[in-house]
C-alpha atoms as a PDB file:
ATOM      1  CA  LYS A   1       0.000   0.000   0.000  1.00  0.00           C
ATOM      2  CA  LEU A   2       2.835   2.394   0.823  1.00  0.00           C
ATOM      3  CA  ALA A   3       4.465   1.926  -2.587  1.00  0.00           C
ATOM      4  CA  GLY A   4       1.150   2.589  -4.296  1.00  0.00           C
ATOM      5  CA  THR A   5       0.556   5.733  -2.280  1.00  0.00           C
ATOM      6  CA  ALA A   6       4.121   6.904  -2.925  1.00  0.00           C
ATOM      7  CA  HIS A   7       3.223   6.943  -6.622  1.00  0.00           C
ATOM      8  CA  ASP A   8       1.088   9.969  -5.761  1.00  0.00           C
ATOM      9  CA  GLY A   9       4.345  11.746  -4.918  1.00  0.00           C
ATOM     10  CA  LEU A  10       5.674  10.773  -8.317  1.00  0.00           C
ATOM     11  CA  ALA A  11       2.606  12.349  -9.914  1.00  0.00           C
ATOM     12  CA  ARG A  12       3.205  15.564  -7.950  1.00  0.00           C
ATOM     13  CA  ALA A  13       6.762  15.937  -9.227  1.00  0.00           C
ATOM     14  CA  VAL A  14       6.799  14.444 -12.744  1.00  0.00           C
ATOM     15  CA  ARG A  15       4.724  15.414 -15.791  1.00  0.00           C
ATOM     16  CA  PRO A  16       3.666  13.303 -17.609  1.00  0.00           C
ATOM     17  CA  VAL A  17       3.633  10.373 -15.217  1.00  0.00           C
ATOM     18  CA  HIS A  18       2.568   6.719 -15.409  1.00  0.00           C
ATOM     19  CA  MET A  19       3.009   6.418 -19.163  1.00  0.00           C
ATOM     20  CA  LEU A  20       3.098   2.955 -20.741  1.00  0.00           C
ATOM     21  CA  THR A  21       6.855   2.871 -21.354  1.00  0.00           C
ATOM     22  CA  ASP A  22       8.446   5.006 -18.595  1.00  0.00           C
ATOM     23  CA  GLY A  23       9.132   2.250 -16.056  1.00  0.00           C
ATOM     24  CA  ASP A  24       7.882   4.100 -12.984  1.00  0.00           C
ATOM     25  CA  THR A  25       8.466   1.736 -10.081  1.00  0.00           C
ATOM     26  CA  VAL A  26       8.447   2.365  -6.340  1.00  0.00           C
ATOM     27  CA  PHE A  27       9.705  -0.130  -3.792  1.00  0.00           C
ATOM     28  CA  THR A  28       9.105   0.136  -0.061  1.00  0.00           C
ATOM     29  CA  LEU A  29      10.377  -1.782   2.940  1.00  0.00           C
ATOM     30  CA  ALA A  30       8.945  -2.341   6.401  1.00  0.00           C
ATOM     31  CA  THR A  31      11.113  -3.061   9.423  1.00  0.00           C
ATOM     32  CA  GLY A  32       8.235  -4.092  11.679  1.00  0.00           C
ATOM     33  CA  GLN A  33       9.792  -2.179  14.581  1.00  0.00           C
ATOM     34  CA  VAL A  34       6.636  -0.173  15.302  1.00  0.00           C
ATOM     35  CA  PRO A  35       3.451  -2.172  15.777  1.00  0.00           C
ATOM     36  CA  VAL A  36       0.247  -1.060  14.069  1.00  0.00           C
ATOM     37  CA  GLU A  37      -2.797  -0.741  16.274  1.00  0.00           C
ATOM     38  CA  PRO A  38      -4.957  -3.812  15.602  1.00  0.00           C
ATOM     39  CA  GLY A  39      -8.464  -3.173  14.345  1.00  0.00           C
ATOM     40  CA  ASN A  40      -7.663   0.389  13.261  1.00  0.00           C
ATOM     41  CA  PRO A  41      -7.265   0.454   9.470  1.00  0.00           C
ATOM     42  CA  VAL A  42      -6.461   4.175   9.393  1.00  0.00           C
ATOM     43  CA  ALA A  43      -3.515   3.802  11.775  1.00  0.00           C
ATOM     44  CA  VAL A  44      -1.108   3.814   8.838  1.00  0.00           C
ATOM     45  CA  ASN A  45      -2.551   6.871   7.062  1.00  0.00           C
ATOM     46  CA  GLU A  46       0.194   9.121   8.412  1.00  0.00           C
ATOM     47  CA  ILE A  47       2.969   6.958   6.964  1.00  0.00           C
ATOM     48  CA  LEU A  48       1.084   6.597   3.666  1.00  0.00           C
ATOM     49  CA  ALA A  49       0.820  10.381   3.323  1.00  0.00           C
ATOM     50  CA  ALA A  50       4.483  10.766   4.274  1.00  0.00           C
ATOM     51  CA  GLY A  51       5.476   8.296   1.555  1.00  0.00           C
ATOM     52  CA  ALA A  52       3.984  10.522  -1.135  1.00  0.00           C
ATOM     53  CA  ASP A  53       5.542  13.648   0.374  1.00  0.00           C
ATOM     54  CA  VAL A  54       8.991  12.089   0.700  1.00  0.00           C
ATOM     55  CA  LEU A  55       9.049  10.755  -2.852  1.00  0.00           C
ATOM     56  CA  ALA A  56       7.983  14.101  -4.335  1.00  0.00           C
ATOM     57  CA  ARG A  57      10.664  15.938  -2.344  1.00  0.00           C
ATOM     58  CA  ALA A  58      13.338  13.382  -3.294  1.00  0.00           C
ATOM     59  CA  ILE A  59      12.604  13.860  -6.996  1.00  0.00           C
ATOM     60  CA  VAL A  60      12.792  17.646  -6.728  1.00  0.00           C
ATOM     61  CA  LYS A  61      16.070  17.443  -4.786  1.00  0.00           C
ATOM     62  CA  ALA A  62      17.538  15.049  -7.361  1.00  0.00           C
ATOM     63  CA  VAL A  63      16.555  17.279 -10.280  1.00  0.00           C
ATOM     64  CA  ARG A  64      18.016  20.326  -8.536  1.00  0.00           C
ATOM     65  CA  ALA A  65      21.270  18.443  -7.768  1.00  0.00           C
ATOM     66  CA  ALA A  66      21.722  17.123 -11.320  1.00  0.00           C
ATOM     67  CA  ARG A  67      24.448  18.588 -13.508  1.00  0.00           C
ATOM     68  CA  SER A  68      24.651  18.926 -17.282  1.00  0.00           C
ATOM     69  CA  VAL A  69      26.313  16.085 -19.181  1.00  0.00           C
ATOM     70  CA  GLU A  70      27.871  15.648 -22.601  1.00  0.00           C
ATOM     71  CA  GLY A  71      27.785  12.393 -24.490  1.00  0.00           C
ATOM     72  CA  PRO A  72      27.555  10.869 -27.956  1.00  0.00           C
ATOM     73  CA  GLY A  73      23.962  12.092 -28.209  1.00  0.00           C
ATOM     74  CA  GLY A  74      24.892  15.679 -27.456  1.00  0.00           C
ATOM     75  CA  THR A  75      24.777  17.952 -24.458  1.00  0.00           C
ATOM     76  CA  PHE A  76      21.965  17.506 -21.970  1.00  0.00           C
ATOM     77  CA  LEU A  77      21.531  20.585 -19.839  1.00  0.00           C
ATOM     78  CA  SER A  78      20.543  20.347 -16.197  1.00  0.00           C
ATOM     79  CA  TYR A  79      17.455  22.005 -14.771  1.00  0.00           C
ATOM     80  CA  THR A  80      19.667  24.576 -13.051  1.00  0.00           C
ATOM     81  CA  GLU A  81      21.425  25.472 -16.306  1.00  0.00           C
ATOM     82  CA  LEU A  82      18.134  25.703 -18.145  1.00  0.00           C
ATOM     83  CA  TYR A  83      16.189  27.679 -15.571  1.00  0.00           C
ATOM     84  CA  GLY A  84      18.762  29.101 -13.139  1.00  0.00           C
ATOM     85  CA  ALA A  85      19.747  28.336  -9.565  1.00  0.00           C
ATOM     86  CA  ARG A  86      17.065  30.607  -8.109  1.00  0.00           C
ATOM     87  CA  MET A  87      14.116  28.651  -9.517  1.00  0.00           C
ATOM     88  CA  ARG A  88      12.166  26.798  -6.841  1.00  0.00           C
END
């Protein structure tokens, strides 16, 4: 469920998202260190919402940290080079 909800974070940060050939995949892991209250299905809502928030923020941070690269296909400019360091 957490991986599915984290896809909402992907949709917040990437346009277009969930296309047929883009390979969007989210993996999650549970440690089991914190028990979930039995009989309360909404007990995990906070972590589900956080999953979407964290994924969206991670994508934005990665895009902002990326640098331009040159290769056989040409030069691929980074977000910062295209739009400037002050863009938020």
